[in-house]
N, C-alpha and C. Protein backbone atom coordinates (compact mmCIF):
# COMPACT_ATOMS: atom_id res chain seq x y z
N MET A 1 2.21 -4.81 -20.43
CA MET A 1 1.34 -5.55 -19.52
C MET A 1 0.20 -4.64 -19.08
N ASP A 2 -1.03 -5.03 -19.30
CA ASP A 2 -2.19 -4.21 -18.97
C ASP A 2 -2.47 -4.25 -17.48
N THR A 3 -2.84 -3.11 -16.94
CA THR A 3 -3.28 -3.06 -15.55
C THR A 3 -4.63 -3.73 -15.42
N ARG A 4 -4.77 -4.57 -14.39
CA ARG A 4 -6.05 -5.25 -14.17
C ARG A 4 -6.68 -4.68 -12.91
N ARG A 5 -7.92 -4.32 -12.98
CA ARG A 5 -8.60 -3.78 -11.83
C ARG A 5 -10.08 -4.12 -11.91
N TRP A 6 -10.66 -4.22 -10.76
CA TRP A 6 -12.09 -4.52 -10.69
C TRP A 6 -12.72 -3.57 -9.69
N LEU A 7 -13.88 -3.01 -10.06
CA LEU A 7 -14.63 -2.14 -9.16
C LEU A 7 -15.83 -2.91 -8.65
N LEU A 8 -15.94 -2.99 -7.33
CA LEU A 8 -17.08 -3.66 -6.72
C LEU A 8 -17.99 -2.59 -6.16
N LEU A 9 -19.13 -2.39 -6.81
CA LEU A 9 -19.96 -1.24 -6.49
C LEU A 9 -21.01 -1.52 -5.43
N ALA A 10 -21.11 -2.74 -4.98
CA ALA A 10 -22.07 -3.06 -3.93
C ALA A 10 -21.43 -2.84 -2.57
N ALA A 11 -22.18 -2.29 -1.65
CA ALA A 11 -21.65 -2.01 -0.31
C ALA A 11 -21.70 -3.26 0.55
N ILE A 12 -20.87 -4.24 0.17
CA ILE A 12 -20.86 -5.53 0.83
C ILE A 12 -19.45 -6.07 0.81
N ALA A 13 -19.28 -7.28 1.29
CA ALA A 13 -18.17 -8.18 0.96
C ALA A 13 -16.91 -7.92 1.73
N THR A 14 -16.05 -6.99 1.28
CA THR A 14 -14.67 -7.04 1.71
C THR A 14 -14.49 -6.84 3.20
N GLN A 15 -15.34 -6.07 3.87
CA GLN A 15 -15.12 -5.86 5.28
C GLN A 15 -15.34 -7.13 6.09
N GLY A 16 -15.94 -8.18 5.50
CA GLY A 16 -16.10 -9.43 6.20
C GLY A 16 -15.02 -10.43 5.91
N CYS A 17 -14.07 -10.13 5.01
CA CYS A 17 -13.05 -11.09 4.62
C CYS A 17 -12.15 -11.40 5.80
N GLY A 18 -11.85 -12.67 5.97
CA GLY A 18 -10.90 -13.08 6.98
C GLY A 18 -11.35 -12.78 8.39
N GLY A 19 -12.64 -12.61 8.61
CA GLY A 19 -13.14 -12.33 9.94
C GLY A 19 -12.95 -10.89 10.38
N TYR A 20 -12.51 -10.02 9.47
CA TYR A 20 -12.29 -8.62 9.82
C TYR A 20 -13.54 -7.81 9.54
N TYR A 21 -13.94 -6.99 10.50
CA TYR A 21 -15.09 -6.11 10.32
C TYR A 21 -14.66 -4.67 10.55
N ALA A 22 -14.86 -3.82 9.57
CA ALA A 22 -14.44 -2.43 9.68
C ALA A 22 -15.40 -1.66 10.58
N SER A 23 -14.83 -0.76 11.37
CA SER A 23 -15.65 0.10 12.21
C SER A 23 -16.33 1.17 11.35
N ASP A 24 -17.32 1.85 11.93
CA ASP A 24 -17.97 2.94 11.21
C ASP A 24 -16.97 4.03 10.85
N ALA A 25 -15.96 4.23 11.72
CA ALA A 25 -14.97 5.26 11.44
C ALA A 25 -14.22 4.97 10.15
N VAL A 26 -13.87 3.69 9.93
CA VAL A 26 -13.21 3.32 8.69
C VAL A 26 -14.17 3.44 7.52
N THR A 27 -15.38 2.91 7.70
CA THR A 27 -16.36 2.92 6.62
C THR A 27 -16.64 4.33 6.12
N PHE A 28 -16.68 5.28 7.04
CA PHE A 28 -16.98 6.65 6.65
C PHE A 28 -15.72 7.48 6.38
N GLY A 29 -14.57 6.82 6.33
CA GLY A 29 -13.38 7.45 5.82
C GLY A 29 -12.74 8.49 6.71
N THR A 30 -12.58 8.17 8.01
CA THR A 30 -12.00 9.17 8.90
C THR A 30 -10.73 8.68 9.59
N VAL A 31 -10.29 7.47 9.35
CA VAL A 31 -9.15 6.93 10.09
C VAL A 31 -8.20 6.19 9.17
N VAL A 32 -7.12 5.73 9.78
CA VAL A 32 -6.12 4.92 9.08
C VAL A 32 -6.38 3.45 9.35
N TYR A 33 -6.32 2.64 8.30
CA TYR A 33 -6.47 1.19 8.43
C TYR A 33 -5.14 0.53 8.12
N THR A 34 -4.74 -0.45 8.92
CA THR A 34 -3.50 -1.18 8.67
C THR A 34 -3.66 -2.62 9.12
N GLN A 35 -3.12 -3.57 8.34
CA GLN A 35 -3.27 -4.98 8.67
C GLN A 35 -2.13 -5.79 8.04
N PRO A 36 -1.50 -6.68 8.84
CA PRO A 36 -0.50 -7.60 8.27
C PRO A 36 -1.18 -8.80 7.64
N ALA A 37 -0.48 -9.47 6.75
CA ALA A 37 -1.00 -10.72 6.20
C ALA A 37 -1.09 -11.76 7.31
N PRO A 38 -2.08 -12.63 7.25
CA PRO A 38 -2.18 -13.69 8.26
C PRO A 38 -0.88 -14.50 8.31
N ASN A 39 -0.36 -14.68 9.52
CA ASN A 39 0.85 -15.48 9.77
C ASN A 39 2.12 -14.89 9.16
N ALA A 40 2.10 -13.63 8.77
CA ALA A 40 3.31 -13.00 8.22
C ALA A 40 4.36 -12.87 9.31
N ASP A 41 5.62 -13.18 8.97
CA ASP A 41 6.74 -13.08 9.89
C ASP A 41 7.70 -12.02 9.35
N PHE A 42 7.77 -10.89 10.03
CA PHE A 42 8.62 -9.78 9.59
C PHE A 42 10.01 -9.83 10.19
N LYS A 43 10.24 -10.70 11.16
CA LYS A 43 11.51 -10.74 11.87
C LYS A 43 12.70 -10.98 10.95
N PRO A 44 12.63 -11.88 9.95
CA PRO A 44 13.81 -12.14 9.12
C PRO A 44 14.10 -11.05 8.09
N LEU A 45 13.18 -10.11 7.88
CA LEU A 45 13.35 -9.12 6.82
C LEU A 45 14.45 -8.12 7.20
N ARG A 46 15.14 -7.61 6.17
CA ARG A 46 16.22 -6.66 6.40
C ARG A 46 16.21 -5.47 5.45
N THR A 47 15.76 -5.64 4.21
CA THR A 47 15.89 -4.60 3.21
C THR A 47 14.55 -4.30 2.55
N TYR A 48 14.38 -3.06 2.08
CA TYR A 48 13.16 -2.68 1.37
C TYR A 48 13.51 -1.80 0.18
N TYR A 49 12.65 -1.87 -0.83
CA TYR A 49 12.72 -1.00 -1.99
C TYR A 49 11.45 -0.17 -2.04
N LEU A 50 11.58 1.13 -2.22
CA LEU A 50 10.43 2.02 -2.33
C LEU A 50 10.30 2.50 -3.75
N ASP A 51 9.15 2.23 -4.38
CA ASP A 51 8.88 2.76 -5.71
C ASP A 51 8.58 4.24 -5.57
N LEU A 52 9.26 5.08 -6.36
CA LEU A 52 9.10 6.52 -6.25
C LEU A 52 7.97 7.06 -7.11
N THR A 53 7.22 6.18 -7.77
CA THR A 53 6.03 6.59 -8.49
C THR A 53 4.79 6.05 -7.77
N MET A 54 3.72 6.81 -7.85
CA MET A 54 2.48 6.46 -7.18
C MET A 54 1.39 6.24 -8.23
N ASP A 55 0.75 5.07 -8.19
CA ASP A 55 -0.39 4.83 -9.07
C ASP A 55 -1.52 5.81 -8.73
N VAL A 56 -2.30 6.21 -9.73
CA VAL A 56 -3.40 7.14 -9.52
C VAL A 56 -4.66 6.60 -10.22
N PHE A 57 -5.77 6.57 -9.49
CA PHE A 57 -7.06 6.21 -10.06
C PHE A 57 -8.03 7.37 -9.84
N LYS A 58 -8.81 7.71 -10.88
CA LYS A 58 -9.83 8.75 -10.79
C LYS A 58 -11.16 8.14 -11.16
N ASP A 59 -12.07 8.03 -10.19
CA ASP A 59 -13.37 7.42 -10.42
C ASP A 59 -13.24 6.06 -11.09
N GLY A 60 -12.25 5.28 -10.66
CA GLY A 60 -12.09 3.92 -11.15
C GLY A 60 -11.21 3.78 -12.36
N ALA A 61 -10.85 4.85 -13.03
CA ALA A 61 -10.02 4.79 -14.22
C ALA A 61 -8.58 5.16 -13.86
N GLN A 62 -7.61 4.38 -14.33
CA GLN A 62 -6.23 4.67 -14.01
C GLN A 62 -5.75 5.89 -14.78
N GLN A 63 -5.04 6.77 -14.06
CA GLN A 63 -4.48 7.99 -14.61
C GLN A 63 -2.96 7.88 -14.67
N PRO A 64 -2.27 8.84 -15.30
CA PRO A 64 -0.81 8.84 -15.26
C PRO A 64 -0.30 8.85 -13.82
N SER A 65 0.75 8.12 -13.56
CA SER A 65 1.31 8.07 -12.22
C SER A 65 1.95 9.41 -11.85
N VAL A 66 2.13 9.63 -10.56
CA VAL A 66 2.77 10.85 -10.07
C VAL A 66 3.93 10.45 -9.16
N ALA A 67 4.83 11.38 -8.93
CA ALA A 67 5.97 11.11 -8.07
C ALA A 67 5.55 11.13 -6.60
N VAL A 68 6.12 10.23 -5.81
CA VAL A 68 5.93 10.27 -4.37
C VAL A 68 6.67 11.51 -3.85
N PRO A 69 6.01 12.36 -3.06
CA PRO A 69 6.68 13.57 -2.56
C PRO A 69 7.95 13.23 -1.78
N ASP A 70 8.95 14.09 -1.89
CA ASP A 70 10.23 13.86 -1.21
C ASP A 70 10.05 13.71 0.30
N SER A 71 9.17 14.53 0.88
CA SER A 71 8.96 14.44 2.32
C SER A 71 8.32 13.12 2.72
N THR A 72 7.49 12.56 1.83
CA THR A 72 6.87 11.26 2.09
C THR A 72 7.92 10.16 2.02
N VAL A 73 8.83 10.25 1.07
CA VAL A 73 9.94 9.30 0.99
C VAL A 73 10.73 9.32 2.29
N GLN A 74 10.96 10.52 2.84
CA GLN A 74 11.72 10.63 4.08
C GLN A 74 10.96 10.04 5.26
N VAL A 75 9.65 10.25 5.31
CA VAL A 75 8.84 9.64 6.38
C VAL A 75 8.97 8.13 6.35
N ILE A 76 8.81 7.55 5.16
CA ILE A 76 8.90 6.09 5.03
C ILE A 76 10.29 5.61 5.42
N ALA A 77 11.33 6.32 4.96
CA ALA A 77 12.70 5.91 5.27
C ALA A 77 12.96 5.94 6.77
N THR A 78 12.50 6.99 7.43
CA THR A 78 12.71 7.10 8.88
C THR A 78 12.01 6.00 9.64
N ARG A 79 10.76 5.73 9.28
CA ARG A 79 9.99 4.72 10.02
C ARG A 79 10.46 3.30 9.71
N MET A 80 10.82 3.03 8.46
CA MET A 80 11.32 1.70 8.12
C MET A 80 12.67 1.44 8.78
N THR A 81 13.53 2.46 8.82
CA THR A 81 14.82 2.31 9.50
C THR A 81 14.63 1.99 10.97
N ALA A 82 13.69 2.65 11.61
CA ALA A 82 13.42 2.41 13.02
C ALA A 82 12.94 0.98 13.27
N TYR A 83 12.32 0.38 12.29
CA TYR A 83 11.84 -1.00 12.42
C TYR A 83 12.88 -2.02 11.96
N GLY A 84 14.08 -1.58 11.62
CA GLY A 84 15.17 -2.50 11.33
C GLY A 84 15.43 -2.77 9.86
N TYR A 85 14.87 -1.94 8.96
CA TYR A 85 15.04 -2.15 7.53
C TYR A 85 16.09 -1.18 6.97
N THR A 86 16.79 -1.62 5.94
CA THR A 86 17.71 -0.78 5.20
C THR A 86 17.17 -0.59 3.78
N ARG A 87 17.14 0.65 3.33
CA ARG A 87 16.65 0.90 1.97
C ARG A 87 17.70 0.51 0.94
N VAL A 88 17.29 -0.14 -0.13
CA VAL A 88 18.17 -0.52 -1.22
C VAL A 88 17.54 -0.07 -2.54
N GLY A 89 18.38 0.14 -3.55
CA GLY A 89 17.87 0.50 -4.87
C GLY A 89 17.31 1.90 -4.96
N ALA A 90 17.76 2.81 -4.09
CA ALA A 90 17.25 4.18 -4.13
C ALA A 90 17.50 4.82 -5.49
N GLY A 91 16.46 5.37 -6.08
CA GLY A 91 16.59 6.01 -7.38
C GLY A 91 16.49 5.08 -8.56
N GLN A 92 16.46 3.76 -8.33
CA GLN A 92 16.35 2.80 -9.42
C GLN A 92 14.89 2.58 -9.81
N ALA A 93 14.67 2.28 -11.08
CA ALA A 93 13.31 2.05 -11.57
C ALA A 93 12.79 0.68 -11.17
N LEU A 94 13.69 -0.26 -10.88
CA LEU A 94 13.29 -1.62 -10.50
C LEU A 94 14.00 -2.01 -9.21
N PRO A 95 13.38 -2.86 -8.40
CA PRO A 95 14.03 -3.28 -7.15
C PRO A 95 15.24 -4.15 -7.43
N PRO A 96 16.32 -3.99 -6.68
CA PRO A 96 17.50 -4.83 -6.86
C PRO A 96 17.28 -6.22 -6.29
N PRO A 97 18.14 -7.18 -6.63
CA PRO A 97 17.94 -8.56 -6.16
C PRO A 97 17.99 -8.70 -4.64
N ASN A 98 18.65 -7.77 -3.94
CA ASN A 98 18.77 -7.92 -2.48
C ASN A 98 17.64 -7.25 -1.72
N ALA A 99 16.60 -6.79 -2.43
CA ALA A 99 15.44 -6.22 -1.74
C ALA A 99 14.53 -7.33 -1.23
N ASN A 100 14.29 -7.36 0.07
CA ASN A 100 13.38 -8.36 0.66
C ASN A 100 11.92 -8.04 0.39
N VAL A 101 11.58 -6.75 0.45
CA VAL A 101 10.19 -6.32 0.22
C VAL A 101 10.19 -5.07 -0.63
N GLY A 102 9.06 -4.82 -1.29
CA GLY A 102 8.86 -3.61 -2.06
C GLY A 102 7.64 -2.86 -1.56
N LEU A 103 7.70 -1.54 -1.54
CA LEU A 103 6.59 -0.69 -1.12
C LEU A 103 6.12 0.14 -2.30
N ARG A 104 4.80 0.22 -2.48
CA ARG A 104 4.24 1.04 -3.55
C ARG A 104 2.94 1.66 -3.06
N LEU A 105 2.74 2.93 -3.40
CA LEU A 105 1.56 3.68 -2.98
C LEU A 105 0.60 3.85 -4.15
N THR A 106 -0.69 3.91 -3.84
CA THR A 106 -1.73 4.17 -4.83
C THR A 106 -2.66 5.25 -4.30
N LEU A 107 -2.94 6.24 -5.15
CA LEU A 107 -3.82 7.35 -4.80
C LEU A 107 -5.16 7.17 -5.50
N PHE A 108 -6.25 7.31 -4.74
CA PHE A 108 -7.61 7.24 -5.28
C PHE A 108 -8.26 8.61 -5.17
N ASN A 109 -8.59 9.21 -6.30
CA ASN A 109 -9.35 10.46 -6.33
C ASN A 109 -10.72 10.14 -6.90
N ASN A 110 -11.74 10.22 -6.09
CA ASN A 110 -13.07 9.78 -6.50
C ASN A 110 -14.13 10.80 -6.12
N SER A 111 -15.07 11.02 -7.03
CA SER A 111 -16.19 11.90 -6.72
C SER A 111 -17.32 11.13 -6.04
N VAL A 112 -17.25 9.81 -6.09
CA VAL A 112 -18.21 8.97 -5.39
C VAL A 112 -17.42 7.88 -4.66
N THR A 113 -18.11 7.11 -3.85
CA THR A 113 -17.46 6.09 -3.05
C THR A 113 -17.57 4.73 -3.72
N TYR A 114 -16.44 4.01 -3.76
CA TYR A 114 -16.40 2.67 -4.32
C TYR A 114 -15.81 1.70 -3.30
N TYR A 115 -16.16 0.45 -3.46
CA TYR A 115 -15.38 -0.60 -2.84
C TYR A 115 -14.38 -1.08 -3.89
N TYR A 116 -13.11 -1.06 -3.54
CA TYR A 116 -12.07 -1.32 -4.52
C TYR A 116 -11.38 -2.66 -4.30
N SER A 117 -11.06 -3.29 -5.40
CA SER A 117 -10.06 -4.36 -5.42
C SER A 117 -9.29 -4.14 -6.71
N TRP A 118 -7.98 -4.13 -6.63
CA TRP A 118 -7.24 -3.81 -7.84
C TRP A 118 -5.91 -4.55 -7.89
N CYS A 119 -5.41 -4.72 -9.10
CA CYS A 119 -4.08 -5.28 -9.33
C CYS A 119 -3.34 -4.33 -10.26
N SER A 120 -2.08 -4.10 -9.98
CA SER A 120 -1.24 -3.27 -10.83
C SER A 120 0.06 -3.98 -11.14
N PRO A 121 0.63 -3.73 -12.31
CA PRO A 121 1.91 -4.36 -12.65
C PRO A 121 3.04 -3.70 -11.88
N TYR A 122 3.56 -4.40 -10.88
CA TYR A 122 4.62 -3.89 -10.04
C TYR A 122 5.94 -4.48 -10.50
N TRP A 123 6.76 -3.67 -11.19
CA TRP A 123 8.13 -4.06 -11.52
C TRP A 123 8.20 -5.38 -12.29
N GLY A 124 7.24 -5.61 -13.20
CA GLY A 124 7.27 -6.79 -14.04
C GLY A 124 6.42 -7.94 -13.55
N TYR A 125 5.71 -7.75 -12.43
CA TYR A 125 4.78 -8.76 -11.94
C TYR A 125 3.62 -8.02 -11.29
N TYR A 126 2.64 -8.76 -10.81
CA TYR A 126 1.45 -8.11 -10.24
C TYR A 126 1.53 -8.02 -8.72
N GLY A 127 1.08 -6.87 -8.23
CA GLY A 127 0.79 -6.70 -6.82
C GLY A 127 -0.68 -6.37 -6.70
N CYS A 128 -1.41 -7.09 -5.89
CA CYS A 128 -2.86 -6.93 -5.80
C CYS A 128 -3.27 -6.63 -4.37
N TYR A 129 -4.32 -5.81 -4.23
CA TYR A 129 -4.87 -5.61 -2.89
C TYR A 129 -5.35 -6.96 -2.39
N PRO A 130 -4.87 -7.39 -1.22
CA PRO A 130 -5.09 -8.78 -0.79
C PRO A 130 -6.52 -9.05 -0.33
N TYR A 131 -6.92 -10.30 -0.45
CA TYR A 131 -8.27 -10.68 -0.06
C TYR A 131 -8.51 -10.48 1.43
N TRP A 132 -7.43 -10.54 2.23
CA TRP A 132 -7.58 -10.38 3.67
C TRP A 132 -7.59 -8.91 4.10
N GLY A 133 -7.34 -7.98 3.16
CA GLY A 133 -7.33 -6.57 3.50
C GLY A 133 -8.69 -5.94 3.29
N TYR A 134 -9.01 -4.92 4.09
CA TYR A 134 -10.28 -4.23 3.94
C TYR A 134 -10.22 -3.33 2.72
N GLY A 135 -11.12 -3.52 1.78
CA GLY A 135 -11.06 -2.82 0.51
C GLY A 135 -11.43 -1.36 0.58
N GLY A 136 -12.11 -0.92 1.58
CA GLY A 136 -12.35 0.50 1.72
C GLY A 136 -13.81 0.86 1.67
N THR A 137 -14.06 2.10 1.97
CA THR A 137 -14.77 2.98 1.06
C THR A 137 -13.76 4.08 0.81
N TYR A 138 -13.17 4.11 -0.36
CA TYR A 138 -12.14 5.08 -0.67
C TYR A 138 -12.80 6.38 -1.12
N THR A 139 -12.76 7.36 -0.26
CA THR A 139 -13.34 8.66 -0.60
C THR A 139 -12.28 9.52 -1.26
N THR A 140 -12.68 10.72 -1.67
CA THR A 140 -11.78 11.57 -2.43
C THR A 140 -10.44 11.75 -1.72
N GLY A 141 -9.37 11.41 -2.42
CA GLY A 141 -8.03 11.64 -1.91
C GLY A 141 -7.55 10.64 -0.89
N SER A 142 -7.81 9.36 -1.08
CA SER A 142 -7.33 8.33 -0.17
C SER A 142 -6.13 7.62 -0.78
N VAL A 143 -5.24 7.15 0.09
CA VAL A 143 -4.00 6.51 -0.34
C VAL A 143 -3.90 5.13 0.29
N ALA A 144 -3.53 4.14 -0.52
CA ALA A 144 -3.27 2.79 -0.02
C ALA A 144 -1.81 2.44 -0.29
N THR A 145 -1.23 1.66 0.61
CA THR A 145 0.15 1.20 0.47
C THR A 145 0.18 -0.31 0.60
N LEU A 146 0.95 -0.96 -0.28
CA LEU A 146 1.16 -2.39 -0.19
C LEU A 146 2.64 -2.67 0.03
N MET A 147 2.94 -3.61 0.90
CA MET A 147 4.29 -4.16 1.06
C MET A 147 4.28 -5.55 0.43
N VAL A 148 5.06 -5.72 -0.63
CA VAL A 148 5.07 -6.95 -1.42
C VAL A 148 6.33 -7.74 -1.10
N ASP A 149 6.21 -9.05 -0.93
CA ASP A 149 7.33 -9.93 -0.64
C ASP A 149 8.13 -10.18 -1.92
N LEU A 150 9.41 -9.81 -1.92
CA LEU A 150 10.25 -9.96 -3.10
C LEU A 150 11.25 -11.11 -2.98
N ARG A 151 11.18 -11.88 -1.92
CA ARG A 151 12.24 -12.85 -1.65
C ARG A 151 12.19 -14.08 -2.55
N GLN A 152 11.04 -14.37 -3.12
CA GLN A 152 10.92 -15.56 -3.93
C GLN A 152 10.41 -15.22 -5.32
N THR A 153 10.65 -16.13 -6.26
CA THR A 153 10.15 -15.96 -7.62
C THR A 153 8.63 -15.94 -7.60
N PRO A 154 8.00 -15.03 -8.35
CA PRO A 154 6.53 -14.99 -8.35
C PRO A 154 5.94 -16.34 -8.77
N PRO A 155 4.88 -16.77 -8.11
CA PRO A 155 4.23 -18.02 -8.49
C PRO A 155 3.52 -17.87 -9.83
N PRO A 156 3.19 -18.98 -10.49
CA PRO A 156 2.45 -18.89 -11.75
C PRO A 156 1.05 -18.33 -11.52
N GLY A 157 0.49 -17.74 -12.58
CA GLY A 157 -0.83 -17.11 -12.48
C GLY A 157 -1.95 -18.11 -12.63
N PRO A 158 -3.20 -17.62 -12.85
CA PRO A 158 -3.48 -16.19 -13.03
C PRO A 158 -3.72 -15.49 -11.69
N PRO A 159 -3.52 -14.14 -11.62
CA PRO A 159 -2.85 -13.34 -12.64
C PRO A 159 -1.36 -13.65 -12.66
N ALA A 160 -0.75 -13.57 -13.80
CA ALA A 160 0.63 -14.00 -13.97
C ALA A 160 1.56 -13.20 -13.07
N GLY A 161 2.43 -13.90 -12.38
CA GLY A 161 3.47 -13.24 -11.62
C GLY A 161 3.02 -12.48 -10.41
N GLN A 162 1.94 -12.90 -9.76
CA GLN A 162 1.46 -12.17 -8.59
C GLN A 162 2.30 -12.50 -7.37
N ARG A 163 2.83 -11.48 -6.71
CA ARG A 163 3.62 -11.64 -5.50
C ARG A 163 2.72 -11.60 -4.26
N PRO A 164 3.10 -12.29 -3.19
CA PRO A 164 2.32 -12.20 -1.96
C PRO A 164 2.49 -10.84 -1.30
N VAL A 165 1.42 -10.33 -0.72
CA VAL A 165 1.43 -9.06 0.01
C VAL A 165 1.56 -9.36 1.50
N LEU A 166 2.50 -8.68 2.16
CA LEU A 166 2.75 -8.90 3.58
C LEU A 166 2.03 -7.89 4.46
N TRP A 167 1.78 -6.70 3.93
CA TRP A 167 1.18 -5.63 4.74
C TRP A 167 0.39 -4.72 3.83
N ALA A 168 -0.77 -4.28 4.31
CA ALA A 168 -1.58 -3.32 3.58
C ALA A 168 -2.03 -2.23 4.55
N ASN A 169 -2.01 -0.99 4.07
CA ASN A 169 -2.61 0.07 4.87
C ASN A 169 -3.38 1.00 3.95
N ALA A 170 -4.36 1.67 4.49
CA ALA A 170 -5.17 2.62 3.74
C ALA A 170 -5.34 3.88 4.58
N LEU A 171 -5.10 5.02 3.96
CA LEU A 171 -5.22 6.32 4.60
C LEU A 171 -6.41 7.02 3.98
N TYR A 172 -7.50 7.10 4.71
CA TYR A 172 -8.76 7.55 4.13
C TYR A 172 -8.88 9.07 4.13
N ALA A 173 -9.17 9.62 2.94
CA ALA A 173 -9.41 11.06 2.77
C ALA A 173 -8.26 11.91 3.28
N VAL A 174 -7.00 11.53 2.91
CA VAL A 174 -5.85 12.28 3.39
C VAL A 174 -5.17 13.10 2.30
N LYS A 175 -5.37 12.77 1.03
CA LYS A 175 -4.61 13.44 -0.03
C LYS A 175 -5.46 13.54 -1.29
N TYR A 176 -5.63 14.74 -1.79
CA TYR A 176 -6.38 14.92 -3.02
C TYR A 176 -5.55 15.62 -4.09
N SER A 177 -4.33 16.03 -3.75
CA SER A 177 -3.48 16.71 -4.71
C SER A 177 -2.06 16.67 -4.17
N THR A 178 -1.16 17.46 -4.78
CA THR A 178 0.21 17.54 -4.28
C THR A 178 0.47 18.89 -3.61
N THR A 179 -0.59 19.57 -3.15
CA THR A 179 -0.42 20.81 -2.42
C THR A 179 0.24 20.53 -1.08
N PRO A 180 0.90 21.52 -0.47
CA PRO A 180 1.57 21.27 0.82
C PRO A 180 0.65 20.70 1.89
N ASP A 181 -0.56 21.23 2.01
CA ASP A 181 -1.49 20.72 3.03
C ASP A 181 -1.84 19.27 2.78
N ALA A 182 -2.06 18.91 1.51
CA ALA A 182 -2.41 17.54 1.18
C ALA A 182 -1.26 16.59 1.48
N VAL A 183 -0.04 17.00 1.16
CA VAL A 183 1.12 16.16 1.44
C VAL A 183 1.32 16.00 2.94
N THR A 184 1.07 17.05 3.69
CA THR A 184 1.16 16.95 5.16
C THR A 184 0.18 15.93 5.69
N ARG A 185 -1.05 15.92 5.17
CA ARG A 185 -2.04 14.93 5.61
C ARG A 185 -1.58 13.52 5.25
N LEU A 186 -1.01 13.37 4.06
CA LEU A 186 -0.49 12.07 3.66
C LEU A 186 0.60 11.62 4.63
N ASN A 187 1.55 12.50 4.92
CA ASN A 187 2.66 12.12 5.80
C ASN A 187 2.17 11.82 7.22
N ASN A 188 1.23 12.60 7.71
CA ASN A 188 0.68 12.32 9.03
C ASN A 188 -0.04 10.98 9.06
N GLY A 189 -0.77 10.67 7.97
CA GLY A 189 -1.44 9.38 7.89
C GLY A 189 -0.47 8.22 7.87
N LEU A 190 0.63 8.36 7.12
CA LEU A 190 1.63 7.31 7.08
C LEU A 190 2.29 7.11 8.44
N ASN A 191 2.58 8.20 9.13
CA ASN A 191 3.16 8.07 10.47
C ASN A 191 2.20 7.31 11.40
N THR A 192 0.91 7.62 11.29
CA THR A 192 -0.07 6.90 12.09
C THR A 192 -0.10 5.42 11.72
N ALA A 193 -0.03 5.11 10.42
CA ALA A 193 -0.03 3.71 9.98
C ALA A 193 1.17 2.96 10.56
N PHE A 194 2.34 3.59 10.58
CA PHE A 194 3.51 2.94 11.17
C PHE A 194 3.37 2.82 12.69
N ASP A 195 2.80 3.85 13.33
CA ASP A 195 2.57 3.76 14.77
C ASP A 195 1.69 2.57 15.12
N LEU A 196 0.72 2.28 14.26
CA LEU A 196 -0.23 1.19 14.50
C LEU A 196 0.28 -0.16 14.02
N SER A 197 1.53 -0.20 13.53
CA SER A 197 2.05 -1.43 12.92
C SER A 197 3.37 -1.87 13.53
N PRO A 198 3.45 -2.02 14.86
CA PRO A 198 4.71 -2.48 15.47
C PRO A 198 5.10 -3.89 15.03
N PHE A 199 4.14 -4.64 14.49
CA PHE A 199 4.44 -5.99 13.99
C PHE A 199 5.44 -5.96 12.84
N LEU A 200 5.67 -4.80 12.22
CA LEU A 200 6.63 -4.70 11.11
C LEU A 200 8.07 -4.82 11.56
N LYS A 201 8.34 -4.73 12.86
CA LYS A 201 9.71 -4.74 13.36
C LYS A 201 10.43 -6.02 12.98
N THR A 202 11.66 -5.86 12.51
CA THR A 202 12.52 -7.01 12.24
C THR A 202 13.34 -7.31 13.49
N SER A 203 14.06 -8.43 13.45
CA SER A 203 14.92 -8.76 14.60
C SER A 203 16.15 -7.87 14.65
N ALA A 204 16.35 -7.04 13.61
CA ALA A 204 17.46 -6.09 13.62
C ALA A 204 17.08 -4.75 14.22
N ALA A 205 15.81 -4.57 14.57
CA ALA A 205 15.37 -3.29 15.12
C ALA A 205 16.02 -3.05 16.47
N PRO A 206 16.35 -1.79 16.80
CA PRO A 206 16.96 -1.48 18.11
C PRO A 206 16.08 -1.91 19.25
């Protein structure tokens, strides 16, 4: 299955989607952005699957994927547990049937700034950056995370097998490599994204 992606090179469009307007801080790549899907209900959710590989794009071209750092896996596990989720399928290449949602990270390494919209084949179907999410200006070393709803069979395309996205976050200019300092910035950005996303809490949360 080929990866589908589109680069939007005009400095327009996505920040106005769904009535959302990005601040200058987001536009210039200095903060964390996080947004739930409109009308998303996280209360019934209980389980999550984390993909241990991270998609990588360099100046718009997809590169070989890299492993999610172990410390980043632990950050996600700690924060998801606090919000009432149990991890399932740890170490598996595909999410198990009892996974309510799936999480996958994408790293953008760019020498110039793009507005991005992309779709990647997630576990046999597509996960796409949602129309209601702010597409960015993704500067060098930015990371985006999607939470994909796994509870229902993917609807028919196009694109074939696209799952609904429940949550999107973007960490601007936090990671450009797998050096310790870069991973620390990634982990700090993820912690901030979870701090800004109390709506993720399930009814099982303490």
